Amino acid sequence: MPHQDRATLDRRLDELAAHMPQLLAETQASDQMDAFAGIADEIRESAAPADLPHVDSRLSCILHEAGLIPGDDGEPCDDA
């Protein structure tokens, strides 16, 4: 699969972040991480190796903002 450029990856990550409230509302708590991972893995697989740190950072922020993982207050998500 060809790699997507950073702008396309960011658009997909923005869409995932916007979709999180619906995903959480429609998915049982025990299945939420798996539901997230299914979408996140597709995004990661389309990223070039050089973009993976950026994608992983954004994905961690999305999980933190959704309350699914604890966050690191020293790493603000706004700049991901």
Foldseek 3Di string as FASTA:
>chain_A
DEADDPVVLVVLLVVLLVCLVVLPVVDDPVCSVVVLCVSLVVSLVRHDPVCNVVSVLSSVVSCCVSVNDPDDPVDDNVVD
